[in-house]
Amino acid sequence: MEKKVDIIKDVDGKNIVVINDLRFKGRRNVDWNIVEACLKEYIGECAEITETSDVVYIGADFPDEFTHSKDTKALRGANMYAKANSSSIIKEMIEIASNKTFAENYAQKHSTDAKFGWYRYDTRFAIPVYDDNMELVRYNVFMARILVRHAQDGNLYLYDVLRTKKETSKPLEQ
């Protein structure tokens, strides 16, 4: 299936991944098990962050963490809907990631899988908003933090997408 995704720059020159075709519609409930099944398609793939040339692999633990983390369970409304739809653009979100920060690993349970710490990157994406007649009205822009673990094997692995939140700036017009 061909993805309908564009990467554009906003007026400030920052990248945004634009989803043109929604996989999950409606805001009331998201079946996170379906989202998890969709994310399993990415296992074993990798993407390069353009800004830093970091190669990020997608491991087997990512789909479960993305769909069942504390961060995901706390999401409601448009932010929950946006995170579910971002599952179709994971590689593009990695590619445009920026603003790399580092944190040591302090949790014993991650002593192997994040032996060399954690990296966080900012990313942005936009999803379409339709009126009652299913006409495109605008795009809402969301920001999120990509959490990447630096494993014992020296590779970077995508762990979760955190803090998915609608930007309060002006939405992208059609």
C-alpha atoms as a PDB file:
ATOM      1  CA  MET A   1       0.000   0.000   0.000  1.00  0.00           C
ATOM      2  CA  GLU A   2       1.423   3.373  -1.029  1.00  0.00           C
ATOM      3  CA  LYS A   3       1.595   5.937   1.769  1.00  0.00           C
ATOM      4  CA  LYS A   4       0.245   9.408   1.162  1.00  0.00           C
ATOM      5  CA  VAL A   5       2.720  11.490   3.149  1.00  0.00           C
ATOM      6  CA  ASP A   6       4.564  14.734   2.473  1.00  0.00           C
ATOM      7  CA  ILE A   7       7.373  16.439   4.333  1.00  0.00           C
ATOM      8  CA  ILE A   8       7.035  20.219   4.185  1.00  0.00           C
ATOM      9  CA  LYS A   9       8.576  23.230   5.913  1.00  0.00           C
ATOM     10  CA  ASP A  10       6.523  25.720   7.905  1.00  0.00           C
ATOM     11  CA  VAL A  11       7.056  29.488   7.783  1.00  0.00           C
ATOM     12  CA  ASP A  12       9.894  29.147  10.320  1.00  0.00           C
ATOM     13  CA  GLY A  13      11.691  26.557   8.167  1.00  0.00           C
ATOM     14  CA  LYS A  14      10.898  23.633  10.493  1.00  0.00           C
ATOM     15  CA  ASN A  15       9.939  20.275   8.981  1.00  0.00           C
ATOM     16  CA  ILE A  16       6.468  18.792   9.357  1.00  0.00           C
ATOM     17  CA  VAL A  17       5.337  15.352   8.200  1.00  0.00           C
ATOM     18  CA  VAL A  18       1.880  15.752   6.661  1.00  0.00           C
ATOM     19  CA  ILE A  19      -0.442  12.748   6.724  1.00  0.00           C
ATOM     20  CA  ASN A  20      -2.791  12.939   3.754  1.00  0.00           C
ATOM     21  CA  ASP A  21      -4.662   9.708   4.434  1.00  0.00           C
ATOM     22  CA  LEU A  22      -5.866   8.829   7.934  1.00  0.00           C
ATOM     23  CA  ARG A  23      -5.611   5.222   9.033  1.00  0.00           C
ATOM     24  CA  PHE A  24      -7.661   5.707  12.223  1.00  0.00           C
ATOM     25  CA  LYS A  25     -10.774   7.857  12.164  1.00  0.00           C
ATOM     26  CA  GLY A  26     -12.903   9.123  15.016  1.00  0.00           C
ATOM     27  CA  ARG A  27     -11.899  10.425  18.417  1.00  0.00           C
ATOM     28  CA  ARG A  28     -13.889   8.396  20.878  1.00  0.00           C
ATOM     29  CA  ASN A  29     -11.920   5.173  21.070  1.00  0.00           C
ATOM     30  CA  VAL A  30      -8.722   3.868  19.579  1.00  0.00           C
ATOM     31  CA  ASP A  31      -8.175   0.136  19.418  1.00  0.00           C
ATOM     32  CA  TRP A  32      -4.518   0.163  20.445  1.00  0.00           C
ATOM     33  CA  ASN A  33      -4.182  -3.542  19.593  1.00  0.00           C
ATOM     34  CA  ILE A  34      -4.829  -2.674  15.931  1.00  0.00           C
ATOM     35  CA  VAL A  35      -2.289   0.166  16.166  1.00  0.00           C
ATOM     36  CA  GLU A  36       0.222  -2.279  17.680  1.00  0.00           C
ATOM     37  CA  ALA A  37      -0.352  -4.746  14.832  1.00  0.00           C
ATOM     38  CA  CYS A  38       0.287  -1.950  12.301  1.00  0.00           C
ATOM     39  CA  LEU A  39       3.507  -0.947  14.067  1.00  0.00           C
ATOM     40  CA  LYS A  40       4.843  -4.503  13.917  1.00  0.00           C
ATOM     41  CA  GLU A  41       5.294  -3.925  10.164  1.00  0.00           C
ATOM     42  CA  TYR A  42       8.233  -1.637  11.024  1.00  0.00           C
ATOM     43  CA  ILE A  43      10.220  -4.113  13.156  1.00  0.00           C
ATOM     44  CA  GLY A  44      13.716  -4.563  11.746  1.00  0.00           C
ATOM     45  CA  GLU A  45      13.632  -1.371   9.688  1.00  0.00           C
ATOM     46  CA  CYS A  46      15.695   1.733  10.305  1.00  0.00           C
ATOM     47  CA  ALA A  47      15.616   5.437   9.468  1.00  0.00           C
ATOM     48  CA  GLU A  48      18.301   8.110   9.501  1.00  0.00           C
ATOM     49  CA  ILE A  49      17.780  11.399  11.294  1.00  0.00           C
ATOM     50  CA  THR A  50      18.718  13.999   8.694  1.00  0.00           C
ATOM     51  CA  GLU A  51      19.924  16.603  11.209  1.00  0.00           C
ATOM     52  CA  THR A  52      22.378  14.333  13.073  1.00  0.00           C
ATOM     53  CA  SER A  53      22.920  11.366  10.697  1.00  0.00           C
ATOM     54  CA  ASP A  54      21.957   9.060  13.590  1.00  0.00           C
ATOM     55  CA  VAL A  55      20.574   5.728  12.355  1.00  0.00           C
ATOM     56  CA  VAL A  56      17.614   4.602  14.479  1.00  0.00           C
ATOM     57  CA  TYR A  57      16.444   0.992  14.337  1.00  0.00           C
ATOM     58  CA  ILE A  58      12.938  -0.145  15.129  1.00  0.00           C
ATOM     59  CA  GLY A  59      13.085  -3.067  17.519  1.00  0.00           C
ATOM     60  CA  ALA A  60      10.518  -5.607  18.634  1.00  0.00           C
ATOM     61  CA  ASP A  61       9.790  -3.748  21.887  1.00  0.00           C
ATOM     62  CA  PHE A  62       8.647  -0.537  20.160  1.00  0.00           C
ATOM     63  CA  PRO A  63       5.059  -1.498  19.135  1.00  0.00           C
ATOM     64  CA  ASP A  64       4.122  -2.580  22.670  1.00  0.00           C
ATOM     65  CA  GLU A  65       5.705   0.462  24.309  1.00  0.00           C
ATOM     66  CA  PHE A  66       4.093   2.884  21.819  1.00  0.00           C
ATOM     67  CA  THR A  67       0.612   1.471  22.381  1.00  0.00           C
ATOM     68  CA  HIS A  68       0.623   0.550  26.070  1.00  0.00           C
ATOM     69  CA  SER A  69       2.927   3.060  27.792  1.00  0.00           C
ATOM     70  CA  LYS A  70       1.832   5.362  30.626  1.00  0.00           C
ATOM     71  CA  ASP A  71       2.114   8.259  28.187  1.00  0.00           C
ATOM     72  CA  THR A  72      -0.305   6.628  25.734  1.00  0.00           C
ATOM     73  CA  LYS A  73      -2.811   5.706  28.451  1.00  0.00           C
ATOM     74  CA  ALA A  74      -2.905   9.339  29.601  1.00  0.00           C
ATOM     75  CA  LEU A  75      -3.817  10.676  26.138  1.00  0.00           C
ATOM     76  CA  ARG A  76      -7.357  11.824  25.416  1.00  0.00           C
ATOM     77  CA  GLY A  77      -9.290  13.285  22.493  1.00  0.00           C
ATOM     78  CA  ALA A  78      -7.382  14.813  19.587  1.00  0.00           C
ATOM     79  CA  ASN A  79      -3.958  13.974  21.047  1.00  0.00           C
ATOM     80  CA  MET A  80      -4.863  10.272  21.351  1.00  0.00           C
ATOM     81  CA  TYR A  81      -6.273  10.261  17.826  1.00  0.00           C
ATOM     82  CA  ALA A  82      -3.126  11.990  16.527  1.00  0.00           C
ATOM     83  CA  LYS A  83      -0.743   9.522  18.192  1.00  0.00           C
ATOM     84  CA  ALA A  84      -2.673   6.591  16.733  1.00  0.00           C
ATOM     85  CA  ASN A  85      -2.455   8.114  13.240  1.00  0.00           C
ATOM     86  CA  SER A  86       1.226   8.917  13.655  1.00  0.00           C
ATOM     87  CA  SER A  87       1.820   5.148  13.654  1.00  0.00           C
ATOM     88  CA  SER A  88       1.689   5.256   9.852  1.00  0.00           C
ATOM     89  CA  ILE A  89       4.544   7.793   9.572  1.00  0.00           C
ATOM     90  CA  ILE A  90       7.073   6.557  12.129  1.00  0.00           C
ATOM     91  CA  LYS A  91      10.038   6.500   9.742  1.00  0.00           C
ATOM     92  CA  GLU A  92       9.301   9.997   8.425  1.00  0.00           C
ATOM     93  CA  MET A  93       8.969  11.322  11.985  1.00  0.00           C
ATOM     94  CA  ILE A  94      12.409   9.894  12.738  1.00  0.00           C
ATOM     95  CA  GLU A  95      13.898  11.440   9.584  1.00  0.00           C
ATOM     96  CA  ILE A  96      12.810  14.993  10.475  1.00  0.00           C
ATOM     97  CA  ALA A  97      13.625  14.706  14.196  1.00  0.00           C
ATOM     98  CA  SER A  98      15.630  17.575  15.665  1.00  0.00           C
ATOM     99  CA  ASN A  99      16.817  19.096  18.926  1.00  0.00           C
ATOM    100  CA  LYS A 100      18.687  16.023  20.252  1.00  0.00           C
ATOM    101  CA  THR A 101      19.090  15.772  24.031  1.00  0.00           C
ATOM    102  CA  PHE A 102      20.752  13.064  26.156  1.00  0.00           C
ATOM    103  CA  ALA A 103      19.886  11.530  29.539  1.00  0.00           C
ATOM    104  CA  GLU A 104      21.729   8.848  31.497  1.00  0.00           C
ATOM    105  CA  ASN A 105      19.983   5.554  32.146  1.00  0.00           C
ATOM    106  CA  TYR A 106      19.111   5.248  35.825  1.00  0.00           C
ATOM    107  CA  ALA A 107      16.580   2.403  35.699  1.00  0.00           C
ATOM    108  CA  GLN A 108      17.964  -1.035  36.501  1.00  0.00           C
ATOM    109  CA  LYS A 109      15.394  -2.671  34.215  1.00  0.00           C
ATOM    110  CA  HIS A 110      17.009  -0.940  31.221  1.00  0.00           C
ATOM    111  CA  SER A 111      20.621  -1.748  32.166  1.00  0.00           C
ATOM    112  CA  THR A 112      21.150  -3.696  28.926  1.00  0.00           C
ATOM    113  CA  ASP A 113      18.659  -2.272  26.452  1.00  0.00           C
ATOM    114  CA  ALA A 114      19.614   1.345  27.299  1.00  0.00           C
ATOM    115  CA  LYS A 115      23.103   0.773  28.694  1.00  0.00           C
ATOM    116  CA  PHE A 116      24.478   3.951  27.126  1.00  0.00           C
ATOM    117  CA  GLY A 117      21.480   6.141  27.961  1.00  0.00           C
ATOM    118  CA  TRP A 118      18.534   7.761  26.235  1.00  0.00           C
ATOM    119  CA  TYR A 119      18.144  10.339  23.507  1.00  0.00           C
ATOM    120  CA  ARG A 120      15.129  12.501  22.920  1.00  0.00           C
ATOM    121  CA  TYR A 121      14.308  14.357  19.731  1.00  0.00           C
ATOM    122  CA  ASP A 122      11.504  16.728  18.766  1.00  0.00           C
ATOM    123  CA  THR A 123       9.315  15.923  15.786  1.00  0.00           C
ATOM    124  CA  ARG A 124       6.180  17.405  14.235  1.00  0.00           C
ATOM    125  CA  PHE A 125       3.362  16.087  12.102  1.00  0.00           C
ATOM    126  CA  ALA A 126       0.051  17.303  10.728  1.00  0.00           C
ATOM    127  CA  ILE A 127      -3.251  15.519  10.269  1.00  0.00           C
ATOM    128  CA  PRO A 128      -6.212  16.644   8.138  1.00  0.00           C
ATOM    129  CA  VAL A 129      -9.418  18.042   9.604  1.00  0.00           C
ATOM    130  CA  TYR A 130     -12.624  17.506   7.631  1.00  0.00           C
ATOM    131  CA  ASP A 131     -16.030  19.187   7.861  1.00  0.00           C
ATOM    132  CA  ASP A 132     -19.370  17.344   7.992  1.00  0.00           C
ATOM    133  CA  ASN A 133     -19.316  16.902   4.203  1.00  0.00           C
ATOM    134  CA  MET A 134     -15.866  15.253   4.381  1.00  0.00           C
ATOM    135  CA  GLU A 135     -14.281  18.318   2.754  1.00  0.00           C
ATOM    136  CA  LEU A 136     -10.763  19.145   3.890  1.00  0.00           C
ATOM    137  CA  VAL A 137     -10.838  22.254   6.085  1.00  0.00           C
ATOM    138  CA  ARG A 138      -7.253  22.458   7.416  1.00  0.00           C
ATOM    139  CA  TYR A 139      -4.448  20.468   8.981  1.00  0.00           C
ATOM    140  CA  ASN A 140      -3.803  20.418  12.723  1.00  0.00           C
ATOM    141  CA  VAL A 141      -0.121  20.363  13.656  1.00  0.00           C
ATOM    142  CA  PHE A 142       1.104  18.171  16.513  1.00  0.00           C
ATOM    143  CA  MET A 143       4.461  17.972  18.204  1.00  0.00           C
ATOM    144  CA  ALA A 144       5.927  14.929  19.930  1.00  0.00           C
ATOM    145  CA  ARG A 145       9.158  13.698  21.518  1.00  0.00           C
ATOM    146  CA  ILE A 146      10.840  10.612  20.116  1.00  0.00           C
ATOM    147  CA  LEU A 147      12.499   8.496  22.808  1.00  0.00           C
ATOM    148  CA  VAL A 148      15.492   6.468  21.591  1.00  0.00           C
ATOM    149  CA  ARG A 149      17.534   4.043  23.664  1.00  0.00           C
ATOM    150  CA  HIS A 150      21.270   3.558  23.140  1.00  0.00           C
ATOM    151  CA  ALA A 151      21.678  -0.177  23.611  1.00  0.00           C
ATOM    152  CA  GLN A 152      24.584  -2.346  24.703  1.00  0.00           C
ATOM    153  CA  ASP A 153      25.231  -3.319  21.063  1.00  0.00           C
ATOM    154  CA  GLY A 154      25.963   0.359  20.309  1.00  0.00           C
ATOM    155  CA  ASN A 155      22.869   0.858  18.164  1.00  0.00           C
ATOM    156  CA  LEU A 156      20.050   3.338  18.662  1.00  0.00           C
ATOM    157  CA  TYR A 157      16.538   1.872  18.942  1.00  0.00           C
ATOM    158  CA  LEU A 158      13.229   3.698  18.846  1.00  0.00           C
ATOM    159  CA  TYR A 159      11.512   3.146  22.184  1.00  0.00           C
ATOM    160  CA  ASP A 160       8.429   5.374  22.226  1.00  0.00           C
ATOM    161  CA  VAL A 161       6.798   8.554  20.961  1.00  0.00           C
ATOM    162  CA  LEU A 162       5.996  10.772  23.935  1.00  0.00           C
ATOM    163  CA  ARG A 163       4.067  13.928  24.724  1.00  0.00           C
ATOM    164  CA  THR A 164       1.978  14.038  21.565  1.00  0.00           C
ATOM    165  CA  LYS A 165       0.328  17.423  21.782  1.00  0.00           C
ATOM    166  CA  LYS A 166      -1.503  19.733  19.409  1.00  0.00           C
ATOM    167  CA  GLU A 167       0.415  22.908  18.714  1.00  0.00           C
ATOM    168  CA  THR A 168      -1.339  26.102  19.627  1.00  0.00           C
ATOM    169  CA  SER A 169       0.126  27.902  16.644  1.00  0.00           C
ATOM    170  CA  LYS A 170      -1.986  28.600  13.585  1.00  0.00           C
ATOM    171  CA  PRO A 171      -2.951  25.322  11.825  1.00  0.00           C
ATOM    172  CA  LEU A 172      -1.861  24.631   8.263  1.00  0.00           C
ATOM    173  CA  GLU A 173      -4.485  25.844   5.822  1.00  0.00           C
ATOM    174  CA  GLN A 174      -5.503  23.828   2.801  1.00  0.00           C
END
